[in-house]
PDB file of N, CA and C in Angstrom:
ATOM      1  N   LEU A   1       0.812  -0.999  -0.470  1.00  0.00           N
ATOM      2  CA  LEU A   1       0.592   0.079  -0.161  1.00  0.00           C
ATOM      3  C   LEU A   1       0.551   1.247  -0.251  1.00  0.00           C
ATOM      4  N   VAL A   2       0.745   1.957  -0.393  1.00  0.00           N
ATOM      5  CA  VAL A   2       0.943   3.373  -0.930  1.00  0.00           C
ATOM      6  C   VAL A   2       0.804   4.466  -0.163  1.00  0.00           C
ATOM      7  N   SER A   3       1.136   5.503   0.587  1.00  0.00           N
ATOM      8  CA  SER A   3       0.734   6.610   1.593  1.00  0.00           C
ATOM      9  C   SER A   3       0.383   7.787   0.981  1.00  0.00           C
ATOM     10  N   SER A   4      -0.722   8.280   0.906  1.00  0.00           N
ATOM     11  CA  SER A   4      -0.798   9.491   0.131  1.00  0.00           C
ATOM     12  C   SER A   4      -0.183  10.571   0.551  1.00  0.00           C
ATOM     13  N   GLY A   5       0.754  10.227   1.884  1.00  0.00           N
ATOM     14  CA  GLY A   5       0.973  11.918   2.937  1.00  0.00           C
ATOM     15  C   GLY A   5       0.296  12.821   3.344  1.00  0.00           C
ATOM     16  N   ILE A   6      -1.333  12.902   3.215  1.00  0.00           N
ATOM     17  CA  ILE A   6      -2.167  13.984   3.524  1.00  0.00           C
ATOM     18  C   ILE A   6      -2.227  14.100   4.614  1.00  0.00           C
ATOM     19  N   SER A   7      -2.818  12.951   5.225  1.00  0.00           N
ATOM     20  CA  SER A   7      -3.616  12.763   6.943  1.00  0.00           C
ATOM     21  C   SER A   7      -2.070  12.605   8.049  1.00  0.00           C
ATOM     22  N   SER A   8      -1.925  12.831   8.711  1.00  0.00           N
ATOM     23  CA  SER A   8      -1.122  13.160   9.688  1.00  0.00           C
ATOM     24  C   SER A   8      -1.209  14.001  10.886  1.00  0.00           C
ATOM     25  N   SER A   9      -0.587  12.913  12.319  1.00  0.00           N
ATOM     26  CA  SER A   9      -0.485  13.875  13.137  1.00  0.00           C
ATOM     27  C   SER A   9       0.077  13.408  13.800  1.00  0.00           C
ATOM     28  N   SER A  10       0.828  14.294  14.830  1.00  0.00           N
ATOM     29  CA  SER A  10       2.604  14.059  15.717  1.00  0.00           C
ATOM     30  C   SER A  10       1.448  13.578  17.326  1.00  0.00           C
ATOM     31  N   VAL A  11       1.636  12.428  17.747  1.00  0.00           N
ATOM     32  CA  VAL A  11       1.426  12.373  18.980  1.00  0.00           C
ATOM     33  C   VAL A  11       0.782  13.336  20.137  1.00  0.00           C
ATOM     34  N   GLU A  12       1.580  13.758  20.045  1.00  0.00           N
ATOM     35  CA  GLU A  12       1.828  14.992  21.005  1.00  0.00           C
ATOM     36  C   GLU A  12       0.426  15.512  20.331  1.00  0.00           C
ATOM     37  N   ASN A  13       0.403  16.374  19.075  1.00  0.00           N
ATOM     38  CA  ASN A  13      -0.961  16.692  18.898  1.00  0.00           C
ATOM     39  C   ASN A  13      -2.531  15.329  19.148  1.00  0.00           C
ATOM     40  N   VAL A  14      -2.169  15.360  19.037  1.00  0.00           N
ATOM     41  CA  VAL A  14      -3.513  13.890  19.639  1.00  0.00           C
ATOM     42  C   VAL A  14      -3.647  13.496  20.931  1.00  0.00           C
ATOM     43  N   ARG A  15      -2.662  14.497  21.903  1.00  0.00           N
ATOM     44  CA  ARG A  15      -2.471  13.796  22.897  1.00  0.00           C
ATOM     45  C   ARG A  15      -3.036  15.172  23.604  1.00  0.00           C
ATOM     46  N   ARG A  16      -2.834  16.038  23.242  1.00  0.00           N
ATOM     47  CA  ARG A  16      -3.396  17.630  23.748  1.00  0.00           C
ATOM     48  C   ARG A  16      -5.149  17.811  22.975  1.00  0.00           C
ATOM     49  N   ASN A  17      -5.360  16.294  21.725  1.00  0.00           N
ATOM     50  CA  ASN A  17      -6.542  17.435  21.159  1.00  0.00           C
ATOM     51  C   ASN A  17      -7.488  16.482  22.174  1.00  0.00           C
ATOM     52  N   LEU A  18      -7.308  14.995  22.755  1.00  0.00           N
ATOM     53  CA  LEU A  18      -7.533  14.073  23.434  1.00  0.00           C
ATOM     54  C   LEU A  18      -7.806  15.219  25.312  1.00  0.00           C
ATOM     55  N   ASP A  19      -6.447  15.636  26.016  1.00  0.00           N
ATOM     56  CA  ASP A  19      -6.382  16.537  26.592  1.00  0.00           C
ATOM     57  C   ASP A  19      -7.365  17.867  26.358  1.00  0.00           C
ATOM     58  N   GLY A  20      -7.653  17.694  26.062  1.00  0.00           N
ATOM     59  CA  GLY A  20      -8.448  19.442  25.773  1.00  0.00           C
ATOM     60  C   GLY A  20     -10.103  19.254  25.750  1.00  0.00           C
ATOM     61  N   HIS A  21     -10.234  17.861  25.219  1.00  0.00           N
ATOM     62  CA  HIS A  21     -11.597  17.506  25.818  1.00  0.00           C
ATOM     63  C   HIS A  21     -12.061  16.431  26.792  1.00  0.00           C
ATOM     64  N   GLY A  22     -10.928  16.335  28.101  1.00  0.00           N
ATOM     65  CA  GLY A  22     -11.460  15.659  29.293  1.00  0.00           C
ATOM     66  C   GLY A  22     -10.753  14.439  29.529  1.00  0.00           C
ATOM     67  N   PHE A  23     -10.037  14.317  28.225  1.00  0.00           N
ATOM     68  CA  PHE A  23      -9.762  12.103  28.284  1.00  0.00           C
ATOM     69  C   PHE A  23      -8.432  12.301  27.948  1.00  0.00           C
ATOM     70  N   GLY A  24      -7.345  13.128  28.679  1.00  0.00           N
ATOM     71  CA  GLY A  24      -6.313  13.129  28.994  1.00  0.00           C
ATOM     72  C   GLY A  24      -6.026  12.003  30.123  1.00  0.00           C
ATOM     73  N   GLY A  25      -4.384  11.267  30.206  1.00  0.00           N
ATOM     74  CA  GLY A  25      -3.979  10.200  31.305  1.00  0.00           C
ATOM     75  C   GLY A  25      -3.986   8.798  30.622  1.00  0.00           C
ATOM     76  N   ASP A  26      -3.403   8.628  31.011  1.00  0.00           N
ATOM     77  CA  ASP A  26      -3.178   6.797  30.350  1.00  0.00           C
ATOM     78  C   ASP A  26      -3.962   6.213  29.999  1.00  0.00           C
ATOM     79  N   SER A  27      -5.294   6.531  29.750  1.00  0.00           N
ATOM     80  CA  SER A  27      -6.116   5.709  29.553  1.00  0.00           C
ATOM     81  C   SER A  27      -6.424   5.223  28.053  1.00  0.00           C
ATOM     82  N   PHE A  28      -5.371   5.396  27.245  1.00  0.00           N
ATOM     83  CA  PHE A  28      -5.038   5.358  25.631  1.00  0.00           C
ATOM     84  C   PHE A  28      -3.399   4.987  25.115  1.00  0.00           C
ATOM     85  N   LYS A  29      -4.227   3.678  24.488  1.00  0.00           N
ATOM     86  CA  LYS A  29      -2.630   3.358  23.767  1.00  0.00           C
ATOM     87  C   LYS A  29      -2.345   3.868  22.864  1.00  0.00           C
ATOM     88  N   TYR A  30      -1.272   4.456  22.290  1.00  0.00           N
ATOM     89  CA  TYR A  30      -0.786   4.919  21.082  1.00  0.00           C
ATOM     90  C   TYR A  30       0.007   3.948  20.147  1.00  0.00           C
ATOM     91  N   HIS A  31       0.067   3.827  19.430  1.00  0.00           N
ATOM     92  CA  HIS A  31       0.660   3.085  17.721  1.00  0.00           C
ATOM     93  C   HIS A  31       0.666   3.902  16.976  1.00  0.00           C
ATOM     94  N   VAL A  32       2.336   4.216  16.801  1.00  0.00           N
ATOM     95  CA  VAL A  32       2.801   5.201  15.695  1.00  0.00           C
ATOM     96  C   VAL A  32       2.933   4.567  14.830  1.00  0.00           C
ATOM     97  N   GLY A  33       2.220   5.388  13.495  1.00  0.00           N
ATOM     98  CA  GLY A  33       2.888   4.598  12.138  1.00  0.00           C
ATOM     99  C   GLY A  33       1.903   4.869  11.422  1.00  0.00           C
ATOM    100  N   TRP A  34       1.611   4.632  10.324  1.00  0.00           N
ATOM    101  CA  TRP A  34       0.705   4.466   8.764  1.00  0.00           C
ATOM    102  C   TRP A  34      -0.072   2.879   9.918  1.00  0.00           C
ATOM    103  N   PHE A  35      -1.290   2.926   9.042  1.00  0.00           N
ATOM    104  CA  PHE A  35      -2.412   1.715  10.143  1.00  0.00           C
ATOM    105  C   PHE A  35      -1.279   0.269   9.353  1.00  0.00           C
ATOM    106  N   GLN A  36      -1.569   0.779   8.144  1.00  0.00           N
ATOM    107  CA  GLN A  36      -0.942  -0.667   7.662  1.00  0.00           C
ATOM    108  C   GLN A  36       1.195  -1.314   7.885  1.00  0.00           C
ATOM    109  N   ASP A  37       1.247  -0.497   8.793  1.00  0.00           N
ATOM    110  CA  ASP A  37       2.464  -1.076   9.559  1.00  0.00           C
ATOM    111  C   ASP A  37       1.989  -0.917  11.447  1.00  0.00           C
ATOM    112  N   THR A  38       0.841  -0.842  11.763  1.00  0.00           N
ATOM    113  CA  THR A  38       0.975  -0.669  13.389  1.00  0.00           C
ATOM    114  C   THR A  38       0.627  -1.825  13.240  1.00  0.00           C
ATOM    115  N   LEU A  39      -1.523  -1.567  12.594  1.00  0.00           N
ATOM    116  CA  LEU A  39      -2.466  -2.864  12.721  1.00  0.00           C
ATOM    117  C   LEU A  39      -2.344  -4.555  13.034  1.00  0.00           C
ATOM    118  N   PRO A  40      -1.287  -4.953  11.918  1.00  0.00           N
ATOM    119  CA  PRO A  40      -0.846  -6.336  11.869  1.00  0.00           C
ATOM    120  C   PRO A  40      -0.316  -7.026  13.419  1.00  0.00           C
ATOM    121  N   THR A  41       0.667  -6.085  14.155  1.00  0.00           N
ATOM    122  CA  THR A  41       1.025  -6.373  15.057  1.00  0.00           C
ATOM    123  C   THR A  41       0.677  -5.187  16.564  1.00  0.00           C
ATOM    124  N   ALA A  42      -0.218  -5.350  16.256  1.00  0.00           N
ATOM    125  CA  ALA A  42      -1.064  -4.811  17.545  1.00  0.00           C
ATOM    126  C   ALA A  42      -1.528  -5.005  18.271  1.00  0.00           C
ATOM    127  N   GLU A  43      -1.550  -5.151  19.543  1.00  0.00           N
ATOM    128  CA  GLU A  43      -2.703  -6.212  20.584  1.00  0.00           C
ATOM    129  C   GLU A  43      -4.013  -5.499  20.946  1.00  0.00           C
ATOM    130  N   ILE A  44      -4.769  -6.096  19.918  1.00  0.00           N
ATOM    131  CA  ILE A  44      -5.914  -5.243  20.460  1.00  0.00           C
ATOM    132  C   ILE A  44      -7.365  -6.373  20.878  1.00  0.00           C
ATOM    133  N   GLY A  45      -7.788  -6.038  22.115  1.00  0.00           N
ATOM    134  CA  GLY A  45      -8.668  -6.437  22.856  1.00  0.00           C
ATOM    135  C   GLY A  45      -9.813  -5.822  22.245  1.00  0.00           C
ATOM    136  N   PRO A  46     -11.166  -6.476  22.961  1.00  0.00           N
ATOM    137  CA  PRO A  46     -13.035  -6.260  22.461  1.00  0.00           C
ATOM    138  C   PRO A  46     -12.574  -4.708  22.546  1.00  0.00           C
ATOM    139  N   ILE A  47     -13.500  -4.268  20.746  1.00  0.00           N
ATOM    140  CA  ILE A  47     -13.596  -3.264  20.643  1.00  0.00           C
ATOM    141  C   ILE A  47     -15.319  -2.786  20.764  1.00  0.00           C
ATOM    142  N   ALA A  48     -15.691  -1.624  21.787  1.00  0.00           N
ATOM    143  CA  ALA A  48     -17.688  -1.332  21.806  1.00  0.00           C
ATOM    144  C   ALA A  48     -17.257  -0.279  20.862  1.00  0.00           C
ATOM    145  N   MET A  49     -16.241   0.258  20.458  1.00  0.00           N
ATOM    146  CA  MET A  49     -16.827   1.377  19.526  1.00  0.00           C
ATOM    147  C   MET A  49     -15.254   2.037  18.237  1.00  0.00           C
ATOM    148  N   LEU A  50     -15.817   1.982  17.173  1.00  0.00           N
ATOM    149  CA  LEU A  50     -14.874   1.681  16.823  1.00  0.00           C
ATOM    150  C   LEU A  50     -14.698   2.615  15.520  1.00  0.00           C
ATOM    151  N   ARG A  51     -14.180   4.139  15.299  1.00  0.00           N
ATOM    152  CA  ARG A  51     -14.368   4.871  14.619  1.00  0.00           C
ATOM    153  C   ARG A  51     -12.805   5.555  13.849  1.00  0.00           C
ATOM    154  N   LEU A  52     -13.369   5.226  12.281  1.00  0.00           N
ATOM    155  CA  LEU A  52     -12.521   5.038  11.490  1.00  0.00           C
ATOM    156  C   LEU A  52     -13.326   6.252  10.242  1.00  0.00           C
ATOM    157  N   ASP A  53     -11.527   6.631  10.348  1.00  0.00           N
ATOM    158  CA  ASP A  53     -10.954   8.298   9.794  1.00  0.00           C
ATOM    159  C   ASP A  53      -9.620   8.024   9.066  1.00  0.00           C
ATOM    160  N   GLY A  54      -9.808   6.868   8.038  1.00  0.00           N
ATOM    161  CA  GLY A  54      -8.781   6.874   7.109  1.00  0.00           C
ATOM    162  C   GLY A  54      -8.787   7.249   5.871  1.00  0.00           C
ATOM    163  N   ASP A  55     -10.239   8.618   5.114  1.00  0.00           N
ATOM    164  CA  ASP A  55      -9.976   8.874   4.944  1.00  0.00           C
ATOM    165  C   ASP A  55      -9.775   8.121   2.835  1.00  0.00           C
ATOM    166  N   LEU A  56      -8.891   7.111   3.084  1.00  0.00           N
ATOM    167  CA  LEU A  56      -8.705   6.549   1.218  1.00  0.00           C
ATOM    168  C   LEU A  56      -9.636   4.896   1.217  1.00  0.00           C
ATOM    169  N   SER A  57      -9.717   4.256   0.532  1.00  0.00           N
ATOM    170  CA  SER A  57      -9.974   3.487   0.363  1.00  0.00           C
ATOM    171  C   SER A  57      -8.468   2.453   0.926  1.00  0.00           C
ATOM    172  N   GLU A  58      -8.013   2.266   0.474  1.00  0.00           N
ATOM    173  CA  GLU A  58      -6.786   1.047   0.992  1.00  0.00           C
ATOM    174  C   GLU A  58      -6.626   1.562   2.650  1.00  0.00           C
ATOM    175  N   SER A  59      -6.336   2.548   3.808  1.00  0.00           N
ATOM    176  CA  SER A  59      -6.691   2.707   4.821  1.00  0.00           C
ATOM    177  C   SER A  59      -7.976   1.607   5.600  1.00  0.00           C
ATOM    178  N   THR A  60      -8.151   2.385   5.391  1.00  0.00           N
ATOM    179  CA  THR A  60      -9.957   2.063   5.613  1.00  0.00           C
ATOM    180  C   THR A  60     -10.173  -0.020   5.735  1.00  0.00           C
ATOM    181  N   GLN A  61      -9.906  -0.189   4.474  1.00  0.00           N
ATOM    182  CA  GLN A  61      -9.952  -1.595   4.286  1.00  0.00           C
ATOM    183  C   GLN A  61      -8.607  -1.822   5.345  1.00  0.00           C
ATOM    184  N   VAL A  62      -7.883  -1.635   5.050  1.00  0.00           N
ATOM    185  CA  VAL A  62      -6.500  -2.199   6.097  1.00  0.00           C
ATOM    186  C   VAL A  62      -7.538  -2.695   8.027  1.00  0.00           C
ATOM    187  N   CYS A  63      -7.865  -1.110   8.039  1.00  0.00           N
ATOM    188  CA  CYS A  63      -8.465  -0.624   9.571  1.00  0.00           C
ATOM    189  C   CYS A  63      -9.499  -1.911   9.521  1.00  0.00           C
ATOM    190  N   LEU A  64     -10.312  -2.002   8.695  1.00  0.00           N
ATOM    191  CA  LEU A  64     -11.401  -3.210   8.968  1.00  0.00           C
ATOM    192  C   LEU A  64     -11.113  -4.877   8.760  1.00  0.00           C
ATOM    193  N   GLU A  65      -9.843  -4.624   8.650  1.00  0.00           N
ATOM    194  CA  GLU A  65      -9.222  -5.869   8.674  1.00  0.00           C
ATOM    195  C   GLU A  65      -8.751  -6.585   9.103  1.00  0.00           C
ATOM    196  N   HIS A  66      -8.197  -5.743  10.148  1.00  0.00           N
ATOM    197  CA  HIS A  66      -7.639  -5.966  11.575  1.00  0.00           C
ATOM    198  C   HIS A  66      -8.236  -5.268  12.840  1.00  0.00           C
ATOM    199  N   LEU A  67      -9.691  -5.105  12.514  1.00  0.00           N
ATOM    200  CA  LEU A  67     -10.287  -4.798  13.612  1.00  0.00           C
ATOM    201  C   LEU A  67     -11.536  -5.087  13.923  1.00  0.00           C
ATOM    202  N   PHE A  68     -12.325  -4.927  12.284  1.00  0.00           N
ATOM    203  CA  PHE A  68     -13.259  -5.215  12.696  1.00  0.00           C
ATOM    204  C   PHE A  68     -13.991  -6.740  13.477  1.00  0.00           C
ATOM    205  N   ASP A  69     -12.988  -7.630  13.563  1.00  0.00           N
ATOM    206  CA  ASP A  69     -13.971  -9.061  14.560  1.00  0.00           C
ATOM    207  C   ASP A  69     -13.228  -8.865  16.385  1.00  0.00           C
ATOM    208  N   HIS A  70     -12.985  -7.925  15.717  1.00  0.00           N
ATOM    209  CA  HIS A  70     -12.139  -7.202  17.725  1.00  0.00           C
ATOM    210  C   HIS A  70     -13.722  -6.335  18.316  1.00  0.00           C
ATOM    211  N   GLY A  71     -14.616  -6.153  17.128  1.00  0.00           N
ATOM    212  CA  GLY A  71     -16.150  -5.834  17.607  1.00  0.00           C
ATOM    213  C   GLY A  71     -17.013  -6.222  18.876  1.00  0.00           C
ATOM    214  N   VAL A  72     -17.759  -5.498  19.596  1.00  0.00           N
ATOM    215  CA  VAL A  72     -18.316  -6.797  20.829  1.00  0.00           C
ATOM    216  C   VAL A  72     -19.802  -6.230  20.088  1.00  0.00           C
ATOM    217  N   PRO A  73     -20.752  -7.364  20.106  1.00  0.00           N
ATOM    218  CA  PRO A  73     -22.093  -6.986  19.661  1.00  0.00           C
ATOM    219  C   PRO A  73     -23.207  -6.167  20.735  1.00  0.00           C
ATOM    220  N   GLY A  74     -23.594  -6.064  20.005  1.00  0.00           N
ATOM    221  CA  GLY A  74     -24.048  -4.555  20.416  1.00  0.00           C
ATOM    222  C   GLY A  74     -23.033  -3.164  20.199  1.00  0.00           C
ATOM    223  N   GLY A  75     -21.695  -3.096  19.707  1.00  0.00           N
ATOM    224  CA  GLY A  75     -21.102  -2.238  19.748  1.00  0.00           C
ATOM    225  C   GLY A  75     -21.414  -0.944  18.443  1.00  0.00           C
ATOM    226  N   CYS A  76     -20.475  -0.216  17.940  1.00  0.00           N
ATOM    227  CA  CYS A  76     -20.978   0.379  16.814  1.00  0.00           C
ATOM    228  C   CYS A  76     -19.580   0.462  16.406  1.00  0.00           C
ATOM    229  N   ILE A  77     -20.027   0.603  14.695  1.00  0.00           N
ATOM    230  CA  ILE A  77     -18.871   1.431  14.383  1.00  0.00           C
ATOM    231  C   ILE A  77     -18.932   2.183  13.233  1.00  0.00           C
ATOM    232  N   ILE A  78     -18.635   3.574  13.131  1.00  0.00           N
ATOM    233  CA  ILE A  78     -18.698   4.920  12.589  1.00  0.00           C
ATOM    234  C   ILE A  78     -17.650   5.141  11.490  1.00  0.00           C
ATOM    235  N   LEU A  79     -17.880   4.716  10.600  1.00  0.00           N
ATOM    236  CA  LEU A  79     -17.298   5.106   8.960  1.00  0.00           C
ATOM    237  C   LEU A  79     -17.155   6.610   8.996  1.00  0.00           C
ATOM    238  N   ASP A  80     -16.399   7.769   9.016  1.00  0.00           N
ATOM    239  CA  ASP A  80     -16.290   9.025   8.651  1.00  0.00           C
ATOM    240  C   ASP A  80     -16.610   9.624   8.142  1.00  0.00           C
ATOM    241  N   ASP A  81     -15.847   8.850   7.313  1.00  0.00           N
ATOM    242  CA  ASP A  81     -15.595   9.585   5.764  1.00  0.00           C
ATOM    243  C   ASP A  81     -16.805   8.326   4.652  1.00  0.00           C
ATOM    244  N   TYR A  82     -17.496   7.800   5.713  1.00  0.00           N
ATOM    245  CA  TYR A  82     -18.230   6.712   4.361  1.00  0.00           C
ATOM    246  C   TYR A  82     -18.866   7.519   3.089  1.00  0.00           C
ATOM    247  N   PRO A  83     -19.146   8.954   3.441  1.00  0.00           N
ATOM    248  CA  PRO A  83     -20.168   9.178   1.896  1.00  0.00           C
ATOM    249  C   PRO A  83     -18.586   9.226   1.024  1.00  0.00           C
ATOM    250  N   LEU A  84     -17.868   9.368   1.308  1.00  0.00           N
ATOM    251  CA  LEU A  84     -16.458   9.682   0.233  1.00  0.00           C
ATOM    252  C   LEU A  84     -16.199   7.681  -0.628  1.00  0.00           C
ATOM    253  N   VAL A  85     -16.040   8.464  -1.640  1.00  0.00           N
ATOM    254  CA  VAL A  85     -16.094   6.931  -2.413  1.00  0.00           C
ATOM    255  C   VAL A  85     -15.263   5.650  -2.463  1.00  0.00           C
ATOM    256  N   GLY A  86     -14.134   5.869  -1.632  1.00  0.00           N
ATOM    257  CA  GLY A  86     -13.292   5.101  -1.275  1.00  0.00           C
ATOM    258  C   GLY A  86     -13.219   4.835  -0.523  1.00  0.00           C
ATOM    259  N   SER A  87     -13.668   6.053   0.782  1.00  0.00           N
ATOM    260  CA  SER A  87     -14.249   4.416   2.100  1.00  0.00           C
ATOM    261  C   SER A  87     -15.380   3.397   1.765  1.00  0.00           C
ATOM    262  N   ARG A  88     -16.298   4.376   0.317  1.00  0.00           N
ATOM    263  CA  ARG A  88     -17.139   3.518   1.213  1.00  0.00           C
ATOM    264  C   ARG A  88     -17.431   2.196   0.133  1.00  0.00           C
ATOM    265  N   LYS A  89     -16.072   2.171  -0.753  1.00  0.00           N
ATOM    266  CA  LYS A  89     -16.181   1.104  -1.834  1.00  0.00           C
ATOM    267  C   LYS A  89     -15.605   0.079  -0.750  1.00  0.00           C
ATOM    268  N   ALA A  90     -14.445   0.670   0.552  1.00  0.00           N
ATOM    269  CA  ALA A  90     -13.710   0.482   1.374  1.00  0.00           C
ATOM    270  C   ALA A  90     -15.003  -0.929   1.878  1.00  0.00           C
ATOM    271  N   TRP A  91     -15.922  -0.285   2.419  1.00  0.00           N
ATOM    272  CA  TRP A  91     -16.590  -0.595   3.521  1.00  0.00           C
ATOM    273  C   TRP A  91     -17.668  -2.190   2.756  1.00  0.00           C
ATOM    274  N   ASP A  92     -18.138  -1.179   1.248  1.00  0.00           N
ATOM    275  CA  ASP A  92     -19.007  -2.728   0.740  1.00  0.00           C
ATOM    276  C   ASP A  92     -18.084  -4.129  -0.014  1.00  0.00           C
ATOM    277  N   GLU A  93     -16.612  -3.204  -0.307  1.00  0.00           N
ATOM    278  CA  GLU A  93     -15.499  -5.213  -0.602  1.00  0.00           C
ATOM    279  C   GLU A  93     -15.785  -5.560   0.999  1.00  0.00           C
ATOM    280  N   PHE A  94     -15.279  -5.086   1.888  1.00  0.00           N
ATOM    281  CA  PHE A  94     -15.506  -5.915   2.881  1.00  0.00           C
ATOM    282  C   PHE A  94     -15.766  -6.896   3.707  1.00  0.00           C
ATOM    283  N   CYS A  95     -17.315  -5.863   3.973  1.00  0.00           N
ATOM    284  CA  CYS A  95     -19.068  -6.508   3.745  1.00  0.00           C
ATOM    285  C   CYS A  95     -19.081  -7.916   3.259  1.00  0.00           C
ATOM    286  N   ALA A  96     -18.979  -7.707   1.993  1.00  0.00           N
ATOM    287  CA  ALA A  96     -18.978  -9.072   1.152  1.00  0.00           C
ATOM    288  C   ALA A  96     -18.103  -9.604   0.922  1.00  0.00           C
ATOM    289  N   ALA A  97     -17.190  -9.838   1.303  1.00  0.00           N
ATOM    290  CA  ALA A  97     -16.187 -10.639   1.812  1.00  0.00           C
ATOM    291  C   ALA A  97     -16.290 -11.185   3.012  1.00  0.00           C
ATOM    292  N   VAL A  98     -16.341 -11.022   3.938  1.00  0.00           N
ATOM    293  CA  VAL A  98     -16.612 -11.397   4.949  1.00  0.00           C
ATOM    294  C   VAL A  98     -18.500 -11.882   5.254  1.00  0.00           C
ATOM    295  N   GLY A  99     -18.945 -11.274   4.191  1.00  0.00           N
ATOM    296  CA  GLY A  99     -20.694 -11.472   4.188  1.00  0.00           C
ATOM    297  C   GLY A  99     -21.341 -11.497   5.267  1.00  0.00           C
ATOM    298  N   VAL A 100     -21.220  -9.740   5.135  1.00  0.00           N
ATOM    299  CA  VAL A 100     -22.189  -9.513   6.481  1.00  0.00           C
ATOM    300  C   VAL A 100     -23.256  -8.343   5.364  1.00  0.00           C
ATOM    301  N   LYS A 101     -24.231  -8.242   6.185  1.00  0.00           N
ATOM    302  CA  LYS A 101     -24.539  -6.803   5.795  1.00  0.00           C
ATOM    303  C   LYS A 101     -24.809  -6.139   6.650  1.00  0.00           C
ATOM    304  N   LEU A 102     -24.516  -5.189   6.570  1.00  0.00           N
ATOM    305  CA  LEU A 102     -25.167  -3.921   7.087  1.00  0.00           C
ATOM    306  C   LEU A 102     -24.844  -2.308   6.614  1.00  0.00           C
ATOM    307  N   GLU A 103     -26.000  -1.595   7.205  1.00  0.00           N
ATOM    308  CA  GLU A 103     -26.760  -1.191   6.787  1.00  0.00           C
ATOM    309  C   GLU A 103     -26.782   0.542   7.647  1.00  0.00           C
ATOM    310  N   PRO A 104     -25.673   1.312   7.185  1.00  0.00           N
ATOM    311  CA  PRO A 104     -26.321   2.644   7.995  1.00  0.00           C
ATOM    312  C   PRO A 104     -27.243   2.725   8.910  1.00  0.00           C
ATOM    313  N   VAL A 105     -27.118   2.668  10.702  1.00  0.00           N
ATOM    314  CA  VAL A 105     -28.039   3.019  11.783  1.00  0.00           C
ATOM    315  C   VAL A 105     -28.508   4.584  11.825  1.00  0.00           C
ATOM    316  N   ILE A 106     -27.289   5.351  11.276  1.00  0.00           N
ATOM    317  CA  ILE A 106     -27.403   6.804  11.730  1.00  0.00           C
ATOM    318  C   ILE A 106     -26.841   7.708  10.729  1.00  0.00           C
ATOM    319  N   ALA A 107     -27.081   8.476   9.843  1.00  0.00           N
ATOM    320  CA  ALA A 107     -26.090   9.233   8.918  1.00  0.00           C
ATOM    321  C   ALA A 107     -25.957  10.290   9.424  1.00  0.00           C
ATOM    322  N   CYS A 108     -24.975  10.531  10.691  1.00  0.00           N
ATOM    323  CA  CYS A 108     -24.799  11.737  10.683  1.00  0.00           C
ATOM    324  C   CYS A 108     -24.161  13.350   9.663  1.00  0.00           C
ATOM    325  N   ASP A 109     -24.834  13.890  10.720  1.00  0.00           N
ATOM    326  CA  ASP A 109     -25.066  15.727   9.684  1.00  0.00           C
ATOM    327  C   ASP A 109     -23.030  16.000   8.794  1.00  0.00           C
ATOM    328  N   THR A 110     -22.331  15.243   9.754  1.00  0.00           N
ATOM    329  CA  THR A 110     -20.947  15.779   9.464  1.00  0.00           C
ATOM    330  C   THR A 110     -20.567  14.692   8.622  1.00  0.00           C
ATOM    331  N   GLY A 111     -21.187  13.912   7.975  1.00  0.00           N
ATOM    332  CA  GLY A 111     -20.300  12.902   6.912  1.00  0.00           C
ATOM    333  C   GLY A 111     -20.912  11.750   7.196  1.00  0.00           C
ATOM    334  N   ALA A 112     -20.354  10.996   8.685  1.00  0.00           N
ATOM    335  CA  ALA A 112     -19.374  10.007   9.158  1.00  0.00           C
ATOM    336  C   ALA A 112     -21.162   8.557   9.506  1.00  0.00           C
ATOM    337  N   ASP A 113     -21.014   7.674   9.171  1.00  0.00           N
ATOM    338  CA  ASP A 113     -22.410   7.437   9.093  1.00  0.00           C
ATOM    339  C   ASP A 113     -21.924   5.783   9.862  1.00  0.00           C
ATOM    340  N   TYR A 114     -23.719   5.600  11.296  1.00  0.00           N
ATOM    341  CA  TYR A 114     -22.749   5.273  12.239  1.00  0.00           C
ATOM    342  C   TYR A 114     -24.101   3.146  12.383  1.00  0.00           C
ATOM    343  N   PHE A 115     -22.958   2.066  12.229  1.00  0.00           N
ATOM    344  CA  PHE A 115     -23.170   0.757  11.924  1.00  0.00           C
ATOM    345  C   PHE A 115     -23.661   0.210  12.912  1.00  0.00           C
ATOM    346  N   ARG A 116     -24.486  -0.970  13.813  1.00  0.00           N
ATOM    347  CA  ARG A 116     -24.872  -1.181  14.776  1.00  0.00           C
ATOM    348  C   ARG A 116     -23.546  -2.593  14.464  1.00  0.00           C
ATOM    349  N   ILE A 117     -23.207  -3.194  15.535  1.00  0.00           N
ATOM    350  CA  ILE A 117     -22.341  -4.582  15.550  1.00  0.00           C
ATOM    351  C   ILE A 117     -23.527  -5.537  16.044  1.00  0.00           C
ATOM    352  N   PRO A 118     -23.147  -6.885  15.255  1.00  0.00           N
ATOM    353  CA  PRO A 118     -25.172  -7.521  14.709  1.00  0.00           C
ATOM    354  C   PRO A 118     -24.098  -8.678  16.411  1.00  0.00           C
TER     355      PRO A 118
END
């Protein structure tokens, strides 16, 4: 996979943003790097809420391949970029490949779509 290089942020910036919203401290584990480089080796536990903001088809696909199976029943997946062609394509292809049909439960006014994990 080739990165577009258009979407990245430093860990310090992410920490500042979380701190600014009252989510600071040691509650988070950071995996620095591109999705395709960090997710295959990351230790991942159960996921109740998965919010993907990968912008591109490739990054969305990588996240789904490595994180979807960790979703807990009744949890949710929020695809920030679902209205974008690449993200929607990755979602549709992934769902077809694993044999699930999940339609948006909520279409947010920000453009993100919310899916319930069965």
